[in-house]
Amino acid sequence: MHKISLIFYLLFIFLLQGFAKKNIPQHPCTDTLNALGNILIYSRDDAQLEETNPLFIALIDSIIRAPESMQYAFDSVKALSVFEPKNKQFRLYNWSMQHNDRTYSYFGFIQYHDTKSNCIQVFPLKEIQSDIANIEKQKLSHTQWLGAHYYKLIENKYQGVYYYTLLGWDGNAITSTKKIIDVLTFDDLHTP
């Protein structure tokens, strides 16, 4: 009798989890994103990576330009990290690519949702390849991004302004890695 109760309990939990996941829509191209993302994760062939990443970028870019994309779950795309603060003002999409020489390249988008006009603004993150003097004191734009694979977003509000602290990892070189702390804010035009 105890085994039957346990089986029904486990079946009930399994069904509840299935229903809960169905409430979060997946984009029809999620499987394609996942397939491309797996190449970015597992391939060490630079030519294949350089061929695959532009396809991955173009597909994400086309998906996130639609307002309904703010509702999509991308949790099944292993290569893609997606962060959204509690206020749901934006989403950050981020991924990395390890090259054959064990260096890394970083990519991302910031998707800003203007709730008043229901418009989406998309900002590609452009990794800079040169060193900047006194980088810790510089204010950079999305076109001058240091590049990192983010693993945590911390939302703060100070004097009515939201500040988002991003914790990230940079594979830097074969012999060292870096922890990155970025602070993200938006100006009056909603530009990061």
N, C-alpha and C. Protein backbone atom coordinates (compact mmCIF):
# COMPACT_ATOMS: atom_id res chain seq x y z
N MET A 1 0.82 -1.20 0.00
CA MET A 1 0.00 0.00 0.00
C MET A 1 0.87 1.26 0.00
N HIS A 2 1.98 1.19 0.76
CA HIS A 2 2.88 2.33 0.84
C HIS A 2 3.52 2.61 -0.52
N LYS A 3 3.86 1.55 -1.28
CA LYS A 3 4.47 1.72 -2.60
C LYS A 3 3.50 2.40 -3.57
N ILE A 4 2.24 2.04 -3.50
CA ILE A 4 1.24 2.63 -4.39
C ILE A 4 1.08 4.12 -4.07
N SER A 5 1.04 4.47 -2.80
CA SER A 5 0.95 5.88 -2.41
C SER A 5 2.16 6.66 -2.90
N LEU A 6 3.34 6.08 -2.77
CA LEU A 6 4.56 6.73 -3.22
C LEU A 6 4.54 6.93 -4.73
N ILE A 7 4.08 5.93 -5.47
CA ILE A 7 4.01 6.03 -6.94
C ILE A 7 3.04 7.13 -7.33
N PHE A 8 1.86 7.18 -6.70
CA PHE A 8 0.90 8.24 -7.02
C PHE A 8 1.45 9.63 -6.66
N TYR A 9 2.15 9.72 -5.55
CA TYR A 9 2.74 10.99 -5.14
C TYR A 9 3.78 11.46 -6.17
N LEU A 10 4.67 10.54 -6.57
CA LEU A 10 5.70 10.90 -7.55
C LEU A 10 5.07 11.26 -8.90
N LEU A 11 4.04 10.53 -9.31
CA LEU A 11 3.35 10.83 -10.55
C LEU A 11 2.69 12.21 -10.48
N PHE A 12 2.09 12.53 -9.35
CA PHE A 12 1.47 13.83 -9.16
C PHE A 12 2.50 14.96 -9.26
N ILE A 13 3.64 14.80 -8.61
CA ILE A 13 4.71 15.81 -8.66
C ILE A 13 5.22 15.96 -10.09
N PHE A 14 5.42 14.85 -10.77
CA PHE A 14 5.90 14.89 -12.15
C PHE A 14 4.92 15.64 -13.05
N LEU A 15 3.63 15.37 -12.90
CA LEU A 15 2.62 16.06 -13.71
C LEU A 15 2.57 17.55 -13.40
N LEU A 16 2.70 17.92 -12.11
CA LEU A 16 2.71 19.34 -11.75
C LEU A 16 3.89 20.06 -12.38
N GLN A 17 5.06 19.44 -12.37
CA GLN A 17 6.23 20.06 -12.98
C GLN A 17 6.03 20.22 -14.48
N GLY A 18 5.43 19.24 -15.11
CA GLY A 18 5.16 19.33 -16.55
C GLY A 18 4.22 20.46 -16.87
N PHE A 19 3.16 20.64 -16.08
CA PHE A 19 2.22 21.73 -16.31
C PHE A 19 2.87 23.08 -16.05
N ALA A 20 3.71 23.16 -15.03
CA ALA A 20 4.36 24.43 -14.71
C ALA A 20 5.27 24.87 -15.84
N LYS A 21 6.00 23.94 -16.45
CA LYS A 21 6.91 24.29 -17.54
C LYS A 21 6.15 24.69 -18.80
N LYS A 22 4.97 24.15 -19.00
CA LYS A 22 4.21 24.48 -20.20
C LYS A 22 3.66 25.90 -20.16
N ASN A 23 3.61 26.52 -18.98
CA ASN A 23 3.11 27.88 -18.87
C ASN A 23 4.14 28.90 -19.36
N ILE A 24 5.40 28.51 -19.47
CA ILE A 24 6.45 29.41 -19.96
C ILE A 24 6.70 29.04 -21.41
N PRO A 25 6.36 29.95 -22.34
CA PRO A 25 6.51 29.61 -23.76
C PRO A 25 7.96 29.52 -24.19
N GLN A 26 8.19 28.62 -25.13
CA GLN A 26 9.49 28.47 -25.77
C GLN A 26 9.35 29.01 -27.20
N HIS A 27 10.35 29.66 -27.69
CA HIS A 27 10.33 30.12 -29.07
C HIS A 27 10.47 28.91 -29.98
N PRO A 28 9.82 28.91 -31.15
CA PRO A 28 9.93 27.77 -32.07
C PRO A 28 11.37 27.45 -32.49
N CYS A 29 12.27 28.43 -32.42
CA CYS A 29 13.66 28.21 -32.84
C CYS A 29 14.57 27.79 -31.68
N THR A 30 14.00 27.48 -30.53
CA THR A 30 14.82 27.11 -29.37
C THR A 30 15.68 25.89 -29.66
N ASP A 31 15.15 24.91 -30.36
CA ASP A 31 15.93 23.72 -30.69
C ASP A 31 17.11 24.06 -31.60
N THR A 32 16.88 24.96 -32.54
CA THR A 32 17.97 25.39 -33.43
C THR A 32 19.03 26.14 -32.65
N LEU A 33 18.60 27.04 -31.75
CA LEU A 33 19.55 27.74 -30.89
C LEU A 33 20.37 26.76 -30.06
N ASN A 34 19.71 25.76 -29.53
CA ASN A 34 20.40 24.78 -28.70
C ASN A 34 21.43 24.00 -29.51
N ALA A 35 21.07 23.61 -30.74
CA ALA A 35 22.00 22.87 -31.60
C ALA A 35 23.22 23.73 -31.94
N LEU A 36 22.99 24.98 -32.31
CA LEU A 36 24.10 25.89 -32.60
C LEU A 36 24.93 26.15 -31.34
N GLY A 37 24.25 26.33 -30.21
CA GLY A 37 24.93 26.57 -28.95
C GLY A 37 25.81 25.41 -28.53
N ASN A 38 25.37 24.19 -28.79
CA ASN A 38 26.18 23.01 -28.46
C ASN A 38 27.48 23.00 -29.25
N ILE A 39 27.42 23.46 -30.49
CA ILE A 39 28.65 23.56 -31.28
C ILE A 39 29.58 24.58 -30.62
N LEU A 40 29.03 25.71 -30.18
CA LEU A 40 29.85 26.74 -29.54
C LEU A 40 30.47 26.25 -28.23
N ILE A 41 29.77 25.38 -27.53
CA ILE A 41 30.28 24.85 -26.26
C ILE A 41 31.35 23.79 -26.48
N TYR A 42 31.09 22.84 -27.37
CA TYR A 42 31.91 21.64 -27.46
C TYR A 42 32.95 21.65 -28.56
N SER A 43 32.80 22.45 -29.59
CA SER A 43 33.76 22.44 -30.69
C SER A 43 35.02 23.19 -30.31
N ARG A 44 36.16 22.68 -30.71
CA ARG A 44 37.43 23.39 -30.55
C ARG A 44 38.04 23.68 -31.92
N ASP A 45 37.21 23.56 -32.95
CA ASP A 45 37.61 23.88 -34.31
C ASP A 45 37.26 25.34 -34.58
N ASP A 46 38.27 26.20 -34.63
CA ASP A 46 38.04 27.63 -34.78
C ASP A 46 37.25 27.97 -36.04
N ALA A 47 37.49 27.25 -37.13
CA ALA A 47 36.75 27.52 -38.37
C ALA A 47 35.26 27.23 -38.17
N GLN A 48 34.95 26.15 -37.48
CA GLN A 48 33.54 25.81 -37.21
C GLN A 48 32.91 26.82 -36.28
N LEU A 49 33.66 27.27 -35.28
CA LEU A 49 33.15 28.28 -34.35
C LEU A 49 32.87 29.59 -35.07
N GLU A 50 33.80 30.01 -35.93
CA GLU A 50 33.63 31.27 -36.67
C GLU A 50 32.49 31.19 -37.68
N GLU A 51 32.13 30.01 -38.09
CA GLU A 51 31.00 29.82 -38.99
C GLU A 51 29.68 29.77 -38.23
N THR A 52 29.70 29.15 -37.05
CA THR A 52 28.48 28.93 -36.26
C THR A 52 28.05 30.17 -35.48
N ASN A 53 29.01 30.90 -34.89
CA ASN A 53 28.65 32.02 -34.02
C ASN A 53 27.84 33.11 -34.73
N PRO A 54 28.16 33.50 -35.97
CA PRO A 54 27.31 34.50 -36.64
C PRO A 54 25.87 34.03 -36.84
N LEU A 55 25.68 32.74 -37.05
CA LEU A 55 24.32 32.18 -37.17
C LEU A 55 23.59 32.28 -35.83
N PHE A 56 24.30 31.96 -34.76
CA PHE A 56 23.75 32.04 -33.41
C PHE A 56 23.37 33.50 -33.09
N ILE A 57 24.27 34.43 -33.41
CA ILE A 57 24.02 35.86 -33.18
C ILE A 57 22.80 36.33 -33.95
N ALA A 58 22.75 35.99 -35.24
CA ALA A 58 21.64 36.44 -36.09
C ALA A 58 20.30 35.89 -35.61
N LEU A 59 20.28 34.64 -35.17
CA LEU A 59 19.04 34.02 -34.72
C LEU A 59 18.56 34.65 -33.41
N ILE A 60 19.47 34.84 -32.46
CA ILE A 60 19.08 35.50 -31.20
C ILE A 60 18.59 36.91 -31.48
N ASP A 61 19.32 37.63 -32.30
CA ASP A 61 18.96 39.02 -32.63
C ASP A 61 17.56 39.09 -33.23
N SER A 62 17.26 38.19 -34.13
CA SER A 62 15.93 38.22 -34.76
C SER A 62 14.82 37.85 -33.77
N ILE A 63 15.10 36.95 -32.84
CA ILE A 63 14.10 36.53 -31.86
C ILE A 63 13.80 37.64 -30.85
N ILE A 64 14.84 38.27 -30.33
CA ILE A 64 14.64 39.20 -29.20
C ILE A 64 14.17 40.59 -29.62
N ARG A 65 13.99 40.83 -30.89
CA ARG A 65 13.48 42.13 -31.34
C ARG A 65 11.95 42.22 -31.22
N ALA A 66 11.29 41.12 -30.98
CA ALA A 66 9.82 41.11 -30.83
C ALA A 66 9.45 41.28 -29.35
N PRO A 67 8.45 42.13 -29.06
CA PRO A 67 8.06 42.34 -27.65
C PRO A 67 7.68 41.05 -26.91
N GLU A 68 7.07 40.10 -27.60
CA GLU A 68 6.66 38.86 -26.93
C GLU A 68 7.86 38.01 -26.50
N SER A 69 9.05 38.31 -27.02
CA SER A 69 10.23 37.53 -26.65
C SER A 69 10.61 37.71 -25.19
N MET A 70 10.12 38.77 -24.55
CA MET A 70 10.39 38.95 -23.12
C MET A 70 9.73 37.84 -22.30
N GLN A 71 8.79 37.13 -22.89
CA GLN A 71 8.09 36.05 -22.19
C GLN A 71 8.73 34.68 -22.43
N TYR A 72 9.61 34.59 -23.44
CA TYR A 72 10.18 33.29 -23.79
C TYR A 72 11.19 32.83 -22.75
N ALA A 73 11.16 31.53 -22.51
CA ALA A 73 12.16 30.90 -21.66
C ALA A 73 13.26 30.34 -22.56
N PHE A 74 14.48 30.63 -22.25
CA PHE A 74 15.61 30.11 -23.01
C PHE A 74 16.44 29.16 -22.16
N ASP A 75 15.84 28.62 -21.10
CA ASP A 75 16.58 27.80 -20.16
C ASP A 75 17.08 26.48 -20.75
N SER A 76 16.52 26.05 -21.87
CA SER A 76 16.99 24.80 -22.47
C SER A 76 18.19 25.03 -23.39
N VAL A 77 18.56 26.27 -23.64
CA VAL A 77 19.71 26.59 -24.49
C VAL A 77 20.93 26.69 -23.57
N LYS A 78 21.70 25.60 -23.52
CA LYS A 78 22.80 25.50 -22.56
C LYS A 78 23.88 26.56 -22.75
N ALA A 79 24.12 26.96 -23.98
CA ALA A 79 25.20 27.91 -24.25
C ALA A 79 24.84 29.33 -23.84
N LEU A 80 23.57 29.60 -23.62
CA LEU A 80 23.09 30.96 -23.42
C LEU A 80 22.73 31.22 -21.96
N SER A 81 23.31 32.28 -21.40
CA SER A 81 22.93 32.73 -20.06
C SER A 81 21.97 33.91 -20.25
N VAL A 82 20.85 33.86 -19.57
CA VAL A 82 19.86 34.94 -19.66
C VAL A 82 19.58 35.44 -18.25
N PHE A 83 19.74 36.76 -18.08
CA PHE A 83 19.50 37.38 -16.79
C PHE A 83 18.41 38.43 -16.94
N GLU A 84 17.52 38.47 -15.96
CA GLU A 84 16.44 39.44 -15.96
C GLU A 84 16.24 39.89 -14.51
N PRO A 85 16.28 41.21 -14.25
CA PRO A 85 16.08 41.66 -12.88
C PRO A 85 14.62 41.50 -12.46
N LYS A 86 14.38 41.66 -11.18
CA LYS A 86 13.01 41.52 -10.65
C LYS A 86 12.05 42.52 -11.27
N ASN A 87 12.54 43.72 -11.61
CA ASN A 87 11.65 44.72 -12.20
C ASN A 87 11.38 44.47 -13.69
N LYS A 88 12.02 43.45 -14.26
CA LYS A 88 11.79 43.02 -15.65
C LYS A 88 11.99 44.15 -16.67
N GLN A 89 12.86 45.07 -16.35
CA GLN A 89 13.13 46.21 -17.23
C GLN A 89 13.92 45.79 -18.47
N PHE A 90 14.75 44.78 -18.33
CA PHE A 90 15.58 44.35 -19.45
C PHE A 90 15.93 42.88 -19.28
N ARG A 91 16.54 42.35 -20.32
CA ARG A 91 17.15 41.03 -20.27
C ARG A 91 18.56 41.14 -20.82
N LEU A 92 19.45 40.40 -20.23
CA LEU A 92 20.82 40.30 -20.69
C LEU A 92 21.04 38.88 -21.21
N TYR A 93 21.47 38.78 -22.45
CA TYR A 93 21.78 37.49 -23.08
C TYR A 93 23.29 37.43 -23.26
N ASN A 94 23.91 36.33 -22.85
CA ASN A 94 25.37 36.29 -22.80
C ASN A 94 25.86 34.88 -23.08
N TRP A 95 26.95 34.77 -23.83
CA TRP A 95 27.58 33.48 -24.08
C TRP A 95 29.05 33.70 -24.39
N SER A 96 29.81 32.60 -24.34
CA SER A 96 31.25 32.67 -24.62
C SER A 96 31.62 31.55 -25.58
N MET A 97 32.80 31.71 -26.13
CA MET A 97 33.30 30.75 -27.11
C MET A 97 34.78 30.51 -26.80
N GLN A 98 35.16 29.25 -26.56
CA GLN A 98 36.56 28.94 -26.31
C GLN A 98 37.22 28.55 -27.62
N HIS A 99 38.34 29.21 -27.91
CA HIS A 99 39.07 28.93 -29.13
C HIS A 99 40.06 27.79 -28.93
N ASN A 100 40.61 27.35 -30.03
CA ASN A 100 41.55 26.23 -30.01
C ASN A 100 42.78 26.54 -29.14
N ASP A 101 43.19 27.79 -29.09
CA ASP A 101 44.35 28.18 -28.28
C ASP A 101 43.99 28.44 -26.81
N ARG A 102 42.78 28.11 -26.43
CA ARG A 102 42.25 28.23 -25.06
C ARG A 102 42.00 29.67 -24.64
N THR A 103 41.91 30.58 -25.58
CA THR A 103 41.45 31.92 -25.28
C THR A 103 39.94 31.95 -25.50
N TYR A 104 39.30 33.01 -25.05
CA TYR A 104 37.85 33.10 -25.11
C TYR A 104 37.42 34.38 -25.80
N SER A 105 36.27 34.30 -26.43
CA SER A 105 35.57 35.48 -26.95
C SER A 105 34.20 35.50 -26.29
N TYR A 106 33.68 36.71 -26.05
CA TYR A 106 32.42 36.87 -25.34
C TYR A 106 31.44 37.67 -26.19
N PHE A 107 30.18 37.32 -26.06
CA PHE A 107 29.13 37.93 -26.88
C PHE A 107 27.90 38.16 -26.02
N GLY A 108 27.08 39.09 -26.45
CA GLY A 108 25.86 39.31 -25.70
C GLY A 108 24.98 40.39 -26.31
N PHE A 109 23.79 40.46 -25.77
CA PHE A 109 22.80 41.47 -26.13
C PHE A 109 22.14 41.96 -24.85
N ILE A 110 21.76 43.22 -24.85
CA ILE A 110 20.88 43.74 -23.82
C ILE A 110 19.58 44.09 -24.52
N GLN A 111 18.50 43.56 -24.02
CA GLN A 111 17.16 43.78 -24.57
C GLN A 111 16.40 44.63 -23.57
N TYR A 112 16.07 45.84 -23.96
CA TYR A 112 15.36 46.76 -23.07
C TYR A 112 13.90 46.83 -23.50
N HIS A 113 13.00 46.67 -22.54
CA HIS A 113 11.57 46.70 -22.83
C HIS A 113 10.98 47.98 -22.28
N ASP A 114 10.56 48.87 -23.18
CA ASP A 114 9.88 50.10 -22.76
C ASP A 114 8.41 49.75 -22.58
N THR A 115 7.99 49.63 -21.34
CA THR A 115 6.62 49.19 -21.05
C THR A 115 5.57 50.22 -21.46
N LYS A 116 5.95 51.50 -21.50
CA LYS A 116 4.98 52.54 -21.89
C LYS A 116 4.59 52.42 -23.36
N SER A 117 5.57 52.19 -24.22
CA SER A 117 5.29 52.10 -25.65
C SER A 117 5.24 50.65 -26.14
N ASN A 118 5.56 49.71 -25.26
CA ASN A 118 5.66 48.29 -25.58
C ASN A 118 6.64 48.04 -26.73
N CYS A 119 7.70 48.85 -26.76
CA CYS A 119 8.75 48.70 -27.77
C CYS A 119 9.97 48.02 -27.15
N ILE A 120 10.69 47.33 -28.00
CA ILE A 120 11.91 46.65 -27.61
C ILE A 120 13.10 47.38 -28.24
N GLN A 121 14.12 47.62 -27.44
CA GLN A 121 15.39 48.12 -27.96
C GLN A 121 16.42 47.04 -27.71
N VAL A 122 17.23 46.74 -28.73
CA VAL A 122 18.24 45.70 -28.62
C VAL A 122 19.61 46.34 -28.80
N PHE A 123 20.50 46.05 -27.85
CA PHE A 123 21.85 46.59 -27.88
C PHE A 123 22.85 45.44 -27.91
N PRO A 124 23.53 45.24 -29.04
CA PRO A 124 24.59 44.21 -29.08
C PRO A 124 25.76 44.65 -28.21
N LEU A 125 26.33 43.73 -27.49
CA LEU A 125 27.53 44.01 -26.70
C LEU A 125 28.74 43.74 -27.59
N LYS A 126 29.57 44.75 -27.78
CA LYS A 126 30.76 44.64 -28.65
C LYS A 126 32.00 44.60 -27.78
N GLU A 127 32.65 43.45 -27.77
CA GLU A 127 33.85 43.26 -26.96
C GLU A 127 35.01 44.06 -27.55
N ILE A 128 35.69 44.82 -26.69
CA ILE A 128 36.88 45.54 -27.15
C ILE A 128 38.10 44.66 -26.93
N GLN A 129 39.05 44.75 -27.83
CA GLN A 129 40.22 43.87 -27.77
C GLN A 129 41.46 44.55 -27.23
N SER A 130 41.38 45.84 -26.94
CA SER A 130 42.57 46.55 -26.46
C SER A 130 42.44 46.89 -24.98
N ASP A 131 43.58 47.12 -24.37
CA ASP A 131 43.59 47.51 -22.97
C ASP A 131 43.24 48.99 -22.85
N ILE A 132 42.50 49.33 -21.82
CA ILE A 132 42.13 50.71 -21.55
C ILE A 132 42.76 51.11 -20.22
N ALA A 133 43.44 52.24 -20.23
CA ALA A 133 44.09 52.71 -19.00
C ALA A 133 43.05 53.02 -17.93
N ASN A 134 43.36 52.67 -16.71
CA ASN A 134 42.47 52.92 -15.55
C ASN A 134 41.05 52.42 -15.82
N ILE A 135 40.95 51.23 -16.32
CA ILE A 135 39.65 50.67 -16.74
C ILE A 135 38.62 50.68 -15.61
N GLU A 136 39.06 50.50 -14.37
CA GLU A 136 38.12 50.46 -13.25
C GLU A 136 37.44 51.79 -13.00
N LYS A 137 37.96 52.88 -13.59
CA LYS A 137 37.36 54.20 -13.41
C LYS A 137 36.63 54.68 -14.66
N GLN A 138 36.59 53.86 -15.68
CA GLN A 138 36.00 54.28 -16.95
C GLN A 138 34.51 53.95 -17.02
N LYS A 139 33.79 54.77 -17.74
CA LYS A 139 32.37 54.54 -18.02
C LYS A 139 32.30 54.14 -19.49
N LEU A 140 31.93 52.89 -19.75
CA LEU A 140 31.93 52.36 -21.11
C LEU A 140 30.51 52.12 -21.58
N SER A 141 30.33 52.08 -22.88
CA SER A 141 29.00 51.82 -23.45
C SER A 141 28.93 50.36 -23.91
N HIS A 142 27.80 49.99 -24.43
CA HIS A 142 27.63 48.62 -24.93
C HIS A 142 28.51 48.35 -26.15
N THR A 143 29.02 49.40 -26.79
CA THR A 143 29.92 49.23 -27.93
C THR A 143 31.38 49.15 -27.50
N GLN A 144 31.64 49.32 -26.21
CA GLN A 144 32.99 49.22 -25.64
C GLN A 144 32.94 48.30 -24.43
N TRP A 145 32.60 47.08 -24.66
CA TRP A 145 32.38 46.12 -23.58
C TRP A 145 33.66 45.34 -23.31
N LEU A 146 33.99 45.15 -22.04
CA LEU A 146 35.19 44.40 -21.68
C LEU A 146 35.10 42.94 -22.08
N GLY A 147 33.92 42.38 -22.01
CA GLY A 147 33.72 40.97 -22.34
C GLY A 147 33.88 40.10 -21.12
N ALA A 148 32.88 39.31 -20.85
CA ALA A 148 32.89 38.38 -19.72
C ALA A 148 31.72 37.42 -19.89
N HIS A 149 31.81 36.29 -19.23
CA HIS A 149 30.67 35.39 -19.16
C HIS A 149 30.06 35.61 -17.78
N TYR A 150 28.89 36.23 -17.77
CA TYR A 150 28.26 36.60 -16.51
C TYR A 150 27.61 35.39 -15.84
N TYR A 151 27.66 35.41 -14.52
CA TYR A 151 27.02 34.33 -13.77
C TYR A 151 26.06 34.84 -12.70
N LYS A 152 26.02 36.16 -12.48
CA LYS A 152 25.08 36.67 -11.48
C LYS A 152 24.74 38.13 -11.77
N LEU A 153 23.47 38.48 -11.52
CA LEU A 153 22.99 39.85 -11.63
C LEU A 153 22.41 40.26 -10.29
N ILE A 154 22.85 41.41 -9.78
CA ILE A 154 22.36 41.92 -8.49
C ILE A 154 21.70 43.27 -8.76
N GLU A 155 20.43 43.38 -8.38
CA GLU A 155 19.66 44.59 -8.63
C GLU A 155 19.69 45.49 -7.39
N ASN A 156 20.03 46.77 -7.60
CA ASN A 156 20.06 47.75 -6.52
C ASN A 156 19.33 49.01 -6.96
N LYS A 157 18.76 49.72 -6.02
CA LYS A 157 18.11 51.00 -6.31
C LYS A 157 18.66 52.03 -5.33
N TYR A 158 19.15 53.15 -5.88
CA TYR A 158 19.70 54.21 -5.05
C TYR A 158 19.16 55.54 -5.56
N GLN A 159 18.52 56.28 -4.70
CA GLN A 159 17.93 57.58 -5.02
C GLN A 159 17.04 57.50 -6.28
N GLY A 160 16.25 56.44 -6.35
CA GLY A 160 15.29 56.28 -7.43
C GLY A 160 15.86 55.74 -8.73
N VAL A 161 17.15 55.45 -8.76
CA VAL A 161 17.80 54.94 -9.98
C VAL A 161 18.21 53.50 -9.75
N TYR A 162 17.92 52.64 -10.74
CA TYR A 162 18.33 51.24 -10.65
C TYR A 162 19.76 51.09 -11.13
N TYR A 163 20.53 50.32 -10.38
CA TYR A 163 21.88 49.94 -10.74
C TYR A 163 21.93 48.42 -10.70
N TYR A 164 22.57 47.84 -11.69
CA TYR A 164 22.65 46.38 -11.79
C TYR A 164 24.11 45.98 -11.75
N THR A 165 24.48 45.20 -10.76
CA THR A 165 25.84 44.70 -10.65
C THR A 165 25.90 43.35 -11.32
N LEU A 166 26.83 43.22 -12.27
CA LEU A 166 27.01 41.98 -13.00
C LEU A 166 28.33 41.34 -12.59
N LEU A 167 28.27 40.11 -12.14
CA LEU A 167 29.47 39.36 -11.79
C LEU A 167 29.77 38.41 -12.94
N GLY A 168 31.03 38.46 -13.40
CA GLY A 168 31.38 37.65 -14.55
C GLY A 168 32.76 37.03 -14.44
N TRP A 169 33.02 36.17 -15.41
CA TRP A 169 34.29 35.46 -15.49
C TRP A 169 34.91 35.73 -16.85
N ASP A 170 36.23 35.94 -16.87
CA ASP A 170 36.97 36.13 -18.10
C ASP A 170 38.10 35.12 -18.12
N GLY A 171 38.14 34.30 -19.16
CA GLY A 171 39.17 33.27 -19.29
C GLY A 171 40.56 33.82 -19.55
N ASN A 172 40.71 35.10 -19.73
CA ASN A 172 41.95 35.86 -19.88
C ASN A 172 43.04 35.15 -20.67
N ALA A 173 43.73 34.19 -20.09
CA ALA A 173 44.85 33.51 -20.76
C ALA A 173 44.95 32.08 -20.22
N ILE A 174 45.81 31.30 -20.81
CA ILE A 174 45.97 29.91 -20.38
C ILE A 174 46.39 29.84 -18.92
N THR A 175 47.18 30.78 -18.46
CA THR A 175 47.72 30.73 -17.10
C THR A 175 46.93 31.52 -16.07
N SER A 176 45.89 32.27 -16.51
CA SER A 176 45.15 33.06 -15.52
C SER A 176 43.72 33.32 -15.98
N THR A 177 42.87 33.59 -15.00
CA THR A 177 41.50 34.00 -15.29
C THR A 177 41.21 35.25 -14.47
N LYS A 178 40.14 35.94 -14.83
CA LYS A 178 39.77 37.16 -14.11
C LYS A 178 38.31 37.09 -13.68
N LYS A 179 38.03 37.68 -12.54
CA LYS A 179 36.65 37.93 -12.12
C LYS A 179 36.33 39.36 -12.53
N ILE A 180 35.17 39.55 -13.11
CA ILE A 180 34.77 40.86 -13.61
C ILE A 180 33.55 41.35 -12.81
N ILE A 181 33.58 42.60 -12.42
CA ILE A 181 32.42 43.24 -11.80
C ILE A 181 32.06 44.44 -12.65
N ASP A 182 30.91 44.40 -13.27
CA ASP A 182 30.40 45.50 -14.09
C ASP A 182 29.18 46.09 -13.41
N VAL A 183 29.00 47.39 -13.55
CA VAL A 183 27.79 48.04 -13.08
C VAL A 183 27.06 48.54 -14.32
N LEU A 184 25.82 48.12 -14.45
CA LEU A 184 25.00 48.47 -15.61
C LEU A 184 23.92 49.45 -15.19
N THR A 185 23.80 50.54 -15.93
CA THR A 185 22.71 51.50 -15.75
C THR A 185 22.19 51.88 -17.12
N PHE A 186 21.05 52.55 -17.14
CA PHE A 186 20.46 53.02 -18.39
C PHE A 186 20.28 54.53 -18.31
N ASP A 187 20.55 55.22 -19.44
CA ASP A 187 20.36 56.66 -19.46
C ASP A 187 18.90 57.00 -19.76
N ASP A 188 18.60 58.28 -19.97
CA ASP A 188 17.23 58.71 -20.21
C ASP A 188 16.65 58.16 -21.51
N LEU A 189 17.51 57.80 -22.45
CA LEU A 189 17.07 57.21 -23.73
C LEU A 189 17.04 55.69 -23.67
N HIS A 190 17.23 55.15 -22.46
CA HIS A 190 17.24 53.70 -22.21
C HIS A 190 18.43 53.02 -22.85
N THR A 191 19.51 53.74 -23.05
CA THR A 191 20.74 53.17 -23.60
C THR A 191 21.61 52.72 -22.45
N PRO A 192 22.17 51.49 -22.53
CA PRO A 192 23.03 51.01 -21.45
C PRO A 192 24.40 51.71 -21.47
